[in-house]
């Protein structure tokens, strides 16, 4: 079976279509991707009960990063995301390097949620960018996001540590994983 490194040739073979059609279709979906969960982001000011419930459900968040690569293992690509601690729903996500600036981007996306408590692992960037009184380090409260990471690794082989399925382009990497998060976590119809 001939599989190229992005996986589109195999998809095209199974569907009996041209591999360029698969790539073109994926690229056309890029403009419709969103990085913040619309179920939590949008609200109507006249419905105060709904606003109050949304604020209650996002009091605490788990934040983590997940390793991947594009092209070869030296070109690392990280998926940074935050989940609601109570519901385990993805609130927002960002792609980039394992640098403080990417964490700042994620933190900016999370700012409308007014999160009062962050749970993270012991990586230094979290200490530098979250206040000590709102930040808790440890494995006890990050189990849900670690499980989410495992689910993502199972569903998208590009996130697995040992795989022959990886992306050649960062753009395609981000689109494929973004489509998964938009469909599964945000409940958006990506086929429309």
N, C-alpha and C. Protein backbone atom coordinates (compact mmCIF):
# COMPACT_ATOMS: atom_id res chain seq x y z
N UNK A 1 0.85 -1.17 0.00
CA UNK A 1 0.00 0.00 0.00
C UNK A 1 0.89 1.23 0.00
N UNK A 2 0.69 2.15 -0.92
CA UNK A 2 1.51 3.36 -1.03
C UNK A 2 0.87 4.48 -0.24
N UNK A 3 1.54 4.92 0.80
CA UNK A 3 1.04 6.01 1.62
C UNK A 3 2.09 7.12 1.60
N UNK A 4 1.67 8.32 1.24
CA UNK A 4 2.63 9.41 1.35
C UNK A 4 2.62 9.92 2.79
N UNK A 5 3.52 10.83 3.11
CA UNK A 5 3.68 11.19 4.51
C UNK A 5 2.54 12.04 5.07
N UNK A 6 1.70 12.62 4.24
CA UNK A 6 0.58 13.37 4.79
C UNK A 6 -0.69 12.54 4.88
N UNK A 7 -0.70 11.34 4.28
CA UNK A 7 -1.86 10.48 4.37
C UNK A 7 -2.90 10.72 3.30
N UNK A 8 -2.74 11.72 2.46
CA UNK A 8 -3.77 12.03 1.47
C UNK A 8 -3.83 11.00 0.35
N UNK A 9 -2.71 10.40 -0.01
CA UNK A 9 -2.73 9.40 -1.09
C UNK A 9 -3.59 8.20 -0.69
N UNK A 10 -3.45 7.76 0.56
CA UNK A 10 -4.24 6.62 1.01
C UNK A 10 -5.72 6.97 1.07
N UNK A 11 -6.03 8.18 1.56
CA UNK A 11 -7.42 8.63 1.60
C UNK A 11 -7.99 8.67 0.19
N UNK A 12 -7.22 9.21 -0.74
CA UNK A 12 -7.68 9.29 -2.13
C UNK A 12 -7.87 7.90 -2.73
N UNK A 13 -6.98 6.96 -2.40
CA UNK A 13 -7.09 5.61 -2.94
C UNK A 13 -8.36 4.94 -2.44
N UNK A 14 -8.65 5.07 -1.14
CA UNK A 14 -9.84 4.43 -0.57
C UNK A 14 -11.10 5.05 -1.15
N UNK A 15 -11.12 6.37 -1.30
CA UNK A 15 -12.31 7.04 -1.83
C UNK A 15 -12.37 7.04 -3.35
N UNK A 16 -11.29 6.56 -3.98
CA UNK A 16 -11.20 6.51 -5.44
C UNK A 16 -11.34 7.90 -6.07
N UNK A 17 -10.61 8.86 -5.50
CA UNK A 17 -10.56 10.21 -6.05
C UNK A 17 -9.11 10.66 -6.11
N UNK A 18 -8.87 11.75 -6.78
CA UNK A 18 -7.54 12.29 -6.93
C UNK A 18 -7.03 12.83 -5.60
N UNK A 19 -5.74 12.60 -5.28
CA UNK A 19 -5.20 13.07 -4.00
C UNK A 19 -5.20 14.59 -3.92
N UNK A 20 -5.13 15.27 -5.06
CA UNK A 20 -5.18 16.74 -5.05
C UNK A 20 -6.55 17.23 -4.62
N UNK A 21 -7.58 16.45 -4.90
CA UNK A 21 -8.93 16.81 -4.46
C UNK A 21 -9.03 16.79 -2.94
N UNK A 22 -8.42 15.80 -2.31
CA UNK A 22 -8.41 15.71 -0.85
C UNK A 22 -7.68 16.91 -0.26
N UNK A 23 -6.51 17.21 -0.78
CA UNK A 23 -5.72 18.33 -0.28
C UNK A 23 -6.46 19.65 -0.48
N UNK A 24 -7.06 19.85 -1.66
CA UNK A 24 -7.79 21.08 -1.95
C UNK A 24 -8.99 21.22 -1.01
N UNK A 25 -9.68 20.12 -0.74
CA UNK A 25 -10.84 20.16 0.15
C UNK A 25 -10.43 20.53 1.57
N UNK A 26 -9.33 19.95 2.05
CA UNK A 26 -8.85 20.29 3.39
C UNK A 26 -8.45 21.75 3.48
N UNK A 27 -7.75 22.25 2.48
CA UNK A 27 -7.33 23.65 2.50
C UNK A 27 -8.52 24.60 2.42
N UNK A 28 -9.59 24.20 1.75
CA UNK A 28 -10.76 25.06 1.65
C UNK A 28 -11.48 25.21 3.00
N UNK A 29 -11.27 24.26 3.90
CA UNK A 29 -11.91 24.31 5.22
C UNK A 29 -11.18 25.22 6.19
N UNK A 30 -9.96 25.65 5.86
CA UNK A 30 -9.15 26.42 6.79
C UNK A 30 -9.83 27.71 7.24
N UNK A 31 -10.49 28.40 6.34
CA UNK A 31 -11.11 29.68 6.69
C UNK A 31 -12.28 29.53 7.65
N UNK A 32 -12.87 28.35 7.73
CA UNK A 32 -14.02 28.15 8.61
C UNK A 32 -13.62 27.68 10.01
N UNK A 33 -12.34 27.42 10.25
CA UNK A 33 -11.89 26.95 11.56
C UNK A 33 -11.91 28.08 12.58
N UNK A 34 -12.32 27.75 13.79
CA UNK A 34 -12.27 28.71 14.90
C UNK A 34 -11.45 28.10 16.02
N UNK A 35 -10.85 28.96 16.85
CA UNK A 35 -9.96 28.47 17.91
C UNK A 35 -10.57 28.54 19.29
N UNK A 36 -11.71 29.18 19.44
CA UNK A 36 -12.36 29.30 20.74
C UNK A 36 -13.74 28.67 20.64
N UNK A 37 -14.10 27.88 21.64
CA UNK A 37 -15.36 27.16 21.64
C UNK A 37 -16.53 28.14 21.61
N UNK A 38 -17.34 28.14 20.55
CA UNK A 38 -18.46 29.08 20.45
C UNK A 38 -19.58 28.79 21.45
N UNK A 39 -19.64 27.58 21.96
CA UNK A 39 -20.68 27.25 22.94
C UNK A 39 -20.48 28.02 24.23
N UNK A 40 -19.25 28.38 24.53
CA UNK A 40 -18.95 29.16 25.72
C UNK A 40 -18.78 30.64 25.42
N UNK A 41 -18.39 30.95 24.20
CA UNK A 41 -18.02 32.31 23.86
C UNK A 41 -19.23 33.21 23.62
N UNK A 42 -20.25 32.71 22.94
CA UNK A 42 -21.38 33.56 22.59
C UNK A 42 -22.45 33.51 23.67
N UNK A 43 -23.08 34.64 23.89
CA UNK A 43 -24.18 34.68 24.84
C UNK A 43 -25.06 35.89 24.53
N UNK A 44 -26.30 35.82 25.00
CA UNK A 44 -27.26 36.89 24.82
C UNK A 44 -27.41 37.60 26.15
N UNK A 45 -27.22 38.92 26.15
CA UNK A 45 -27.26 39.67 27.41
C UNK A 45 -28.65 39.69 28.04
N UNK A 46 -29.70 39.51 27.26
CA UNK A 46 -31.05 39.51 27.81
C UNK A 46 -31.36 38.24 28.58
N UNK A 47 -30.59 37.20 28.37
CA UNK A 47 -30.81 35.94 29.07
C UNK A 47 -29.75 35.80 30.16
N UNK A 48 -29.98 36.46 31.28
CA UNK A 48 -28.97 36.48 32.34
C UNK A 48 -28.70 35.10 32.92
N UNK A 49 -29.70 34.24 32.94
CA UNK A 49 -29.50 32.89 33.47
C UNK A 49 -28.46 32.13 32.67
N UNK A 50 -28.52 32.23 31.33
CA UNK A 50 -27.53 31.54 30.49
C UNK A 50 -26.13 32.10 30.71
N UNK A 51 -26.01 33.38 30.86
CA UNK A 51 -24.71 34.00 31.09
C UNK A 51 -24.14 33.52 32.41
N UNK A 52 -24.95 33.48 33.44
CA UNK A 52 -24.49 33.03 34.74
C UNK A 52 -24.02 31.58 34.68
N UNK A 53 -24.75 30.71 33.98
CA UNK A 53 -24.35 29.32 33.88
C UNK A 53 -23.03 29.17 33.13
N UNK A 54 -22.83 29.96 32.09
CA UNK A 54 -21.58 29.88 31.36
C UNK A 54 -20.40 30.31 32.22
N UNK A 55 -20.59 31.31 33.03
CA UNK A 55 -19.50 31.76 33.88
C UNK A 55 -19.20 30.73 34.96
N UNK A 56 -20.23 30.06 35.47
CA UNK A 56 -20.03 29.05 36.50
C UNK A 56 -19.26 27.85 35.94
N UNK A 57 -19.58 27.45 34.71
CA UNK A 57 -18.95 26.24 34.18
C UNK A 57 -17.50 26.46 33.77
N UNK A 58 -17.04 27.67 33.72
CA UNK A 58 -15.66 27.94 33.31
C UNK A 58 -14.84 28.56 34.43
N UNK A 59 -15.13 28.24 35.64
CA UNK A 59 -14.36 28.79 36.76
C UNK A 59 -12.94 28.26 36.77
N UNK A 60 -12.77 27.00 36.40
CA UNK A 60 -11.46 26.36 36.45
C UNK A 60 -11.14 25.74 35.10
N UNK A 61 -9.86 25.79 34.73
CA UNK A 61 -9.44 25.23 33.45
C UNK A 61 -8.13 24.47 33.62
N UNK A 62 -8.00 23.42 32.83
CA UNK A 62 -6.75 22.67 32.75
C UNK A 62 -6.06 23.08 31.45
N UNK A 63 -4.79 23.39 31.52
CA UNK A 63 -4.03 23.83 30.36
C UNK A 63 -2.86 22.88 30.15
N UNK A 64 -2.62 22.50 28.88
CA UNK A 64 -1.53 21.59 28.58
C UNK A 64 -1.08 21.78 27.15
N UNK A 65 0.05 21.22 26.82
CA UNK A 65 0.58 21.25 25.47
C UNK A 65 0.85 19.82 25.03
N UNK A 66 0.73 19.57 23.72
CA UNK A 66 0.91 18.22 23.19
C UNK A 66 1.86 18.28 22.00
N UNK A 67 2.85 17.42 22.01
CA UNK A 67 3.91 17.40 21.02
C UNK A 67 3.50 16.72 19.73
N UNK A 68 3.99 17.25 18.63
CA UNK A 68 3.88 16.63 17.32
C UNK A 68 5.03 17.16 16.48
N UNK A 69 5.08 16.79 15.22
CA UNK A 69 6.11 17.33 14.34
C UNK A 69 5.58 17.43 12.92
N UNK A 70 6.26 18.25 12.14
CA UNK A 70 5.90 18.44 10.73
C UNK A 70 7.15 18.20 9.91
N UNK A 71 7.07 17.26 9.00
CA UNK A 71 8.21 16.95 8.13
C UNK A 71 9.20 15.99 8.76
N UNK A 72 9.83 16.40 9.84
CA UNK A 72 10.74 15.53 10.58
C UNK A 72 10.70 15.91 12.06
N UNK A 73 11.23 15.06 12.89
CA UNK A 73 11.07 15.24 14.33
C UNK A 73 11.80 16.47 14.88
N UNK A 74 12.73 17.02 14.13
CA UNK A 74 13.40 18.23 14.60
C UNK A 74 12.52 19.47 14.42
N UNK A 75 11.52 19.39 13.55
CA UNK A 75 10.57 20.50 13.34
C UNK A 75 9.34 20.26 14.21
N UNK A 76 9.47 20.57 15.47
CA UNK A 76 8.40 20.29 16.43
C UNK A 76 7.24 21.26 16.27
N UNK A 77 6.04 20.75 16.48
CA UNK A 77 4.81 21.54 16.43
C UNK A 77 3.99 21.15 17.64
N UNK A 78 3.57 22.12 18.43
CA UNK A 78 2.87 21.85 19.68
C UNK A 78 1.43 22.33 19.58
N UNK A 79 0.52 21.50 20.06
CA UNK A 79 -0.88 21.86 20.21
C UNK A 79 -1.07 22.29 21.66
N UNK A 80 -1.37 23.55 21.88
CA UNK A 80 -1.66 24.08 23.22
C UNK A 80 -3.17 24.19 23.33
N UNK A 81 -3.75 23.66 24.39
CA UNK A 81 -5.19 23.78 24.55
C UNK A 81 -5.58 23.83 26.02
N UNK A 82 -6.80 24.31 26.25
CA UNK A 82 -7.34 24.41 27.60
C UNK A 82 -8.72 23.76 27.60
N UNK A 83 -9.01 23.01 28.67
CA UNK A 83 -10.32 22.39 28.81
C UNK A 83 -10.96 22.87 30.11
N UNK A 84 -12.28 22.91 30.09
CA UNK A 84 -13.03 23.23 31.30
C UNK A 84 -12.84 22.09 32.29
N UNK A 85 -12.48 22.41 33.51
CA UNK A 85 -12.15 21.39 34.51
C UNK A 85 -13.35 20.51 34.86
N UNK A 86 -14.55 21.07 34.83
CA UNK A 86 -15.74 20.30 35.21
C UNK A 86 -16.29 19.46 34.06
N UNK A 87 -16.34 20.02 32.86
CA UNK A 87 -17.00 19.34 31.76
C UNK A 87 -16.04 18.67 30.79
N UNK A 88 -14.75 18.96 30.89
CA UNK A 88 -13.71 18.40 30.01
C UNK A 88 -13.95 18.81 28.55
N UNK A 89 -14.53 19.97 28.34
CA UNK A 89 -14.76 20.50 27.00
C UNK A 89 -13.64 21.46 26.64
N UNK A 90 -13.12 21.33 25.43
CA UNK A 90 -12.05 22.23 24.99
C UNK A 90 -12.60 23.65 24.91
N UNK A 91 -11.90 24.58 25.55
CA UNK A 91 -12.30 25.98 25.53
C UNK A 91 -11.63 26.71 24.37
N UNK A 92 -10.33 26.47 24.18
CA UNK A 92 -9.57 27.14 23.12
C UNK A 92 -8.31 26.34 22.83
N UNK A 93 -7.74 26.58 21.63
CA UNK A 93 -6.50 25.90 21.27
C UNK A 93 -5.65 26.80 20.37
N UNK A 94 -4.34 26.53 20.37
CA UNK A 94 -3.39 27.28 19.56
C UNK A 94 -2.29 26.32 19.13
N UNK A 95 -1.71 26.53 17.94
CA UNK A 95 -0.56 25.76 17.48
C UNK A 95 0.68 26.64 17.49
N UNK A 96 1.83 26.04 17.76
CA UNK A 96 3.08 26.78 17.70
C UNK A 96 4.22 25.99 18.31
N UNK A 97 5.28 26.70 18.61
CA UNK A 97 6.44 26.10 19.26
C UNK A 97 6.17 25.99 20.76
N UNK A 98 7.08 25.38 21.48
CA UNK A 98 6.93 25.30 22.94
C UNK A 98 7.63 26.51 23.55
N UNK A 99 7.05 27.67 23.28
CA UNK A 99 7.60 28.96 23.70
C UNK A 99 6.55 29.73 24.48
N UNK A 100 7.03 30.67 25.28
CA UNK A 100 6.14 31.49 26.10
C UNK A 100 5.14 32.29 25.27
N UNK A 101 5.55 32.73 24.10
CA UNK A 101 4.67 33.56 23.28
C UNK A 101 3.41 32.81 22.85
N UNK A 102 3.52 31.51 22.63
CA UNK A 102 2.35 30.72 22.24
C UNK A 102 1.41 30.56 23.43
N UNK A 103 1.97 30.39 24.62
CA UNK A 103 1.13 30.34 25.82
C UNK A 103 0.41 31.67 26.02
N UNK A 104 1.07 32.77 25.71
CA UNK A 104 0.41 34.08 25.81
C UNK A 104 -0.76 34.18 24.84
N UNK A 105 -0.61 33.62 23.65
CA UNK A 105 -1.72 33.61 22.68
C UNK A 105 -2.91 32.83 23.23
N UNK A 106 -2.64 31.66 23.80
CA UNK A 106 -3.71 30.85 24.39
C UNK A 106 -4.36 31.59 25.56
N UNK A 107 -3.54 32.21 26.38
CA UNK A 107 -4.06 32.95 27.53
C UNK A 107 -4.96 34.11 27.07
N UNK A 108 -4.59 34.76 25.97
CA UNK A 108 -5.42 35.83 25.42
C UNK A 108 -6.77 35.30 24.94
N UNK A 109 -6.78 34.11 24.34
CA UNK A 109 -8.04 33.51 23.91
C UNK A 109 -8.91 33.11 25.10
N UNK A 110 -8.28 32.80 26.24
CA UNK A 110 -9.02 32.39 27.43
C UNK A 110 -9.49 33.57 28.28
N UNK A 111 -8.98 34.75 28.03
CA UNK A 111 -9.30 35.90 28.88
C UNK A 111 -10.80 36.21 28.99
N UNK A 112 -11.63 36.07 27.94
CA UNK A 112 -13.07 36.35 28.10
C UNK A 112 -13.78 35.38 29.04
N UNK A 113 -13.19 34.24 29.32
CA UNK A 113 -13.84 33.26 30.17
C UNK A 113 -13.78 33.60 31.66
N UNK A 114 -12.92 34.53 32.04
CA UNK A 114 -12.75 34.92 33.45
C UNK A 114 -12.48 33.71 34.33
N UNK A 115 -11.50 32.93 33.96
CA UNK A 115 -11.15 31.72 34.70
C UNK A 115 -10.42 32.11 35.98
N UNK A 116 -10.87 31.53 37.08
CA UNK A 116 -10.29 31.88 38.38
C UNK A 116 -9.21 30.90 38.85
N UNK A 117 -9.11 29.74 38.19
CA UNK A 117 -8.13 28.74 38.61
C UNK A 117 -7.61 27.98 37.39
N UNK A 118 -6.28 27.88 37.29
CA UNK A 118 -5.64 27.13 36.21
C UNK A 118 -4.88 25.95 36.80
N UNK A 119 -5.06 24.78 36.20
CA UNK A 119 -4.32 23.58 36.59
C UNK A 119 -3.38 23.20 35.45
N UNK A 120 -2.11 23.03 35.76
CA UNK A 120 -1.12 22.73 34.73
C UNK A 120 -0.10 21.73 35.25
N UNK A 121 0.79 21.32 34.33
CA UNK A 121 1.93 20.52 34.76
C UNK A 121 3.05 21.46 35.24
N UNK A 122 4.23 20.95 35.44
CA UNK A 122 5.30 21.72 36.05
C UNK A 122 6.24 22.36 35.03
N UNK A 123 5.74 22.78 33.90
CA UNK A 123 6.60 23.43 32.93
C UNK A 123 6.73 24.91 33.28
N UNK A 124 7.90 25.47 33.14
CA UNK A 124 8.23 26.81 33.62
C UNK A 124 7.39 27.95 33.06
N UNK A 125 6.93 27.85 31.83
CA UNK A 125 6.15 28.94 31.23
C UNK A 125 4.86 29.19 32.00
N UNK A 126 4.28 28.14 32.54
CA UNK A 126 3.05 28.33 33.30
C UNK A 126 3.31 29.16 34.56
N UNK A 127 4.41 28.89 35.23
CA UNK A 127 4.78 29.69 36.41
C UNK A 127 5.01 31.15 36.05
N UNK A 128 5.61 31.38 34.90
CA UNK A 128 5.93 32.75 34.50
C UNK A 128 4.71 33.55 34.09
N UNK A 129 3.65 32.90 33.60
CA UNK A 129 2.53 33.64 33.03
C UNK A 129 1.20 33.49 33.76
N UNK A 130 1.13 32.63 34.74
CA UNK A 130 -0.08 32.55 35.57
C UNK A 130 0.26 33.02 36.98
N UNK A 131 -0.64 33.79 37.57
CA UNK A 131 -0.43 34.26 38.94
C UNK A 131 -0.41 33.08 39.91
N UNK A 132 0.41 33.17 40.92
CA UNK A 132 0.56 32.07 41.89
C UNK A 132 -0.74 31.74 42.61
N UNK A 133 -1.58 32.75 42.86
CA UNK A 133 -2.83 32.49 43.58
C UNK A 133 -3.91 31.86 42.71
N UNK A 134 -3.76 31.93 41.39
CA UNK A 134 -4.74 31.31 40.49
C UNK A 134 -4.20 30.07 39.79
N UNK A 135 -2.99 29.67 40.12
CA UNK A 135 -2.31 28.59 39.40
C UNK A 135 -1.97 27.44 40.34
N UNK A 136 -2.32 26.22 39.93
CA UNK A 136 -1.99 25.04 40.72
C UNK A 136 -1.27 24.02 39.83
N UNK A 137 -0.11 23.59 40.30
CA UNK A 137 0.71 22.63 39.55
C UNK A 137 0.50 21.24 40.13
N UNK A 138 0.40 20.25 39.26
CA UNK A 138 0.31 18.88 39.74
C UNK A 138 -0.48 17.98 38.81
N UNK A 139 -0.39 16.69 39.06
CA UNK A 139 -1.07 15.70 38.23
C UNK A 139 -2.50 15.44 38.69
N UNK A 140 -2.79 15.79 39.90
CA UNK A 140 -4.10 15.48 40.47
C UNK A 140 -5.25 16.12 39.70
N UNK A 141 -5.08 17.35 39.27
CA UNK A 141 -6.15 18.07 38.59
C UNK A 141 -5.95 18.21 37.09
N UNK A 142 -5.02 17.48 36.52
CA UNK A 142 -4.81 17.54 35.07
C UNK A 142 -5.12 16.21 34.38
N UNK A 143 -5.84 15.35 35.05
CA UNK A 143 -6.14 14.04 34.48
C UNK A 143 -7.07 14.12 33.28
N UNK A 144 -8.01 15.06 33.30
CA UNK A 144 -8.96 15.16 32.19
C UNK A 144 -8.27 15.63 30.91
N UNK A 145 -7.39 16.60 31.02
CA UNK A 145 -6.72 17.08 29.81
C UNK A 145 -5.71 16.06 29.30
N UNK A 146 -5.11 15.30 30.19
CA UNK A 146 -4.20 14.24 29.75
C UNK A 146 -4.98 13.14 29.03
N UNK A 147 -6.17 12.85 29.48
CA UNK A 147 -7.03 11.89 28.79
C UNK A 147 -7.44 12.43 27.42
N UNK A 148 -7.72 13.72 27.37
CA UNK A 148 -8.06 14.36 26.10
C UNK A 148 -6.89 14.24 25.12
N UNK A 149 -5.66 14.44 25.62
CA UNK A 149 -4.47 14.28 24.78
C UNK A 149 -4.39 12.86 24.21
N UNK A 150 -4.68 11.88 25.04
CA UNK A 150 -4.66 10.49 24.59
C UNK A 150 -5.72 10.25 23.51
N UNK A 151 -6.91 10.81 23.70
CA UNK A 151 -7.95 10.69 22.68
C UNK A 151 -7.51 11.32 21.37
N UNK A 152 -6.94 12.51 21.45
CA UNK A 152 -6.46 13.17 20.22
C UNK A 152 -5.41 12.31 19.53
N UNK A 153 -4.50 11.73 20.31
CA UNK A 153 -3.45 10.87 19.73
C UNK A 153 -4.05 9.64 19.05
N UNK A 154 -5.14 9.13 19.61
CA UNK A 154 -5.79 7.96 19.04
C UNK A 154 -6.52 8.32 17.75
N UNK A 155 -7.19 9.46 17.73
CA UNK A 155 -8.00 9.85 16.59
C UNK A 155 -7.17 10.39 15.43
N UNK A 156 -6.09 11.11 15.74
CA UNK A 156 -5.26 11.73 14.70
C UNK A 156 -3.85 11.17 14.83
N UNK A 157 -3.48 10.34 13.89
CA UNK A 157 -2.17 9.67 13.97
C UNK A 157 -1.00 10.64 13.86
N UNK A 158 -1.25 11.85 13.40
CA UNK A 158 -0.18 12.85 13.34
C UNK A 158 0.32 13.23 14.73
N UNK A 159 -0.47 12.97 15.74
CA UNK A 159 -0.08 13.31 17.11
C UNK A 159 0.60 12.16 17.85
N UNK A 160 0.72 11.01 17.20
CA UNK A 160 1.35 9.87 17.86
C UNK A 160 2.85 10.03 17.84
N UNK A 161 3.48 9.50 18.85
CA UNK A 161 4.93 9.65 18.97
C UNK A 161 5.68 8.84 17.93
N UNK A 162 5.25 7.62 17.69
CA UNK A 162 5.89 6.76 16.69
C UNK A 162 4.87 6.48 15.60
N UNK A 163 5.07 7.09 14.45
CA UNK A 163 4.11 6.94 13.37
C UNK A 163 4.78 7.14 12.02
N UNK A 164 4.14 6.63 10.98
CA UNK A 164 4.60 6.93 9.64
C UNK A 164 3.68 7.97 9.00
N UNK A 165 2.69 8.42 9.73
CA UNK A 165 1.72 9.39 9.22
C UNK A 165 2.02 10.76 9.84
N UNK A 166 2.59 11.63 9.05
CA UNK A 166 2.83 12.99 9.53
C UNK A 166 2.65 13.95 8.38
N UNK A 167 2.58 15.23 8.69
CA UNK A 167 2.33 16.25 7.68
C UNK A 167 3.63 16.80 7.13
N UNK A 168 3.59 17.22 5.87
CA UNK A 168 4.73 17.91 5.26
C UNK A 168 4.66 19.40 5.52
N UNK A 169 3.46 19.93 5.66
CA UNK A 169 3.26 21.36 5.83
C UNK A 169 2.59 21.66 7.17
N UNK A 170 3.04 22.72 7.84
CA UNK A 170 2.41 23.13 9.10
C UNK A 170 0.96 23.50 8.88
N UNK A 171 0.66 24.10 7.75
CA UNK A 171 -0.71 24.50 7.43
C UNK A 171 -1.64 23.28 7.42
N UNK A 172 -1.24 22.20 6.74
CA UNK A 172 -2.07 21.00 6.67
C UNK A 172 -2.18 20.34 8.05
N UNK A 173 -1.10 20.33 8.79
CA UNK A 173 -1.09 19.78 10.16
C UNK A 173 -2.15 20.49 11.00
N UNK A 174 -2.11 21.82 10.98
CA UNK A 174 -3.03 22.62 11.79
C UNK A 174 -4.47 22.47 11.32
N UNK A 175 -4.68 22.36 10.01
CA UNK A 175 -6.05 22.22 9.48
C UNK A 175 -6.67 20.89 9.92
N UNK A 176 -5.92 19.80 9.77
CA UNK A 176 -6.47 18.47 10.10
C UNK A 176 -6.82 18.39 11.59
N UNK A 177 -5.93 18.84 12.46
CA UNK A 177 -6.21 18.77 13.89
C UNK A 177 -7.28 19.79 14.27
N UNK A 178 -7.26 20.96 13.64
CA UNK A 178 -8.30 21.97 13.87
C UNK A 178 -9.68 21.47 13.48
N UNK A 179 -9.76 20.75 12.35
CA UNK A 179 -11.05 20.18 11.94
C UNK A 179 -11.58 19.19 12.97
N UNK A 180 -10.69 18.36 13.51
CA UNK A 180 -11.10 17.41 14.54
C UNK A 180 -11.66 18.15 15.76
N UNK A 181 -10.94 19.14 16.25
CA UNK A 181 -11.39 19.87 17.44
C UNK A 181 -12.69 20.60 17.16
N UNK A 182 -12.81 21.22 15.98
CA UNK A 182 -14.04 21.93 15.64
C UNK A 182 -15.24 21.00 15.58
N UNK A 183 -15.05 19.80 15.06
CA UNK A 183 -16.17 18.85 14.94
C UNK A 183 -16.50 18.18 16.28
N UNK A 184 -15.49 17.58 16.90
CA UNK A 184 -15.73 16.77 18.09
C UNK A 184 -15.96 17.63 19.33
N UNK A 185 -15.17 18.67 19.50
CA UNK A 185 -15.25 19.46 20.73
C UNK A 185 -16.21 20.64 20.65
N UNK A 186 -16.24 21.32 19.49
CA UNK A 186 -17.09 22.50 19.36
C UNK A 186 -18.45 22.18 18.77
N UNK A 187 -18.62 20.95 18.27
CA UNK A 187 -19.91 20.53 17.72
C UNK A 187 -20.27 21.23 16.42
N UNK A 188 -19.26 21.66 15.65
CA UNK A 188 -19.51 22.37 14.40
C UNK A 188 -19.57 21.37 13.25
N UNK A 189 -20.43 21.64 12.28
CA UNK A 189 -20.54 20.80 11.11
C UNK A 189 -19.46 21.22 10.12
N UNK A 190 -18.38 20.48 10.07
CA UNK A 190 -17.26 20.83 9.21
C UNK A 190 -17.49 20.44 7.77
N UNK A 191 -18.54 19.68 7.49
CA UNK A 191 -18.82 19.23 6.14
C UNK A 191 -19.74 20.19 5.39
N UNK A 192 -20.22 21.20 6.07
CA UNK A 192 -21.15 22.15 5.42
C UNK A 192 -20.43 23.06 4.45
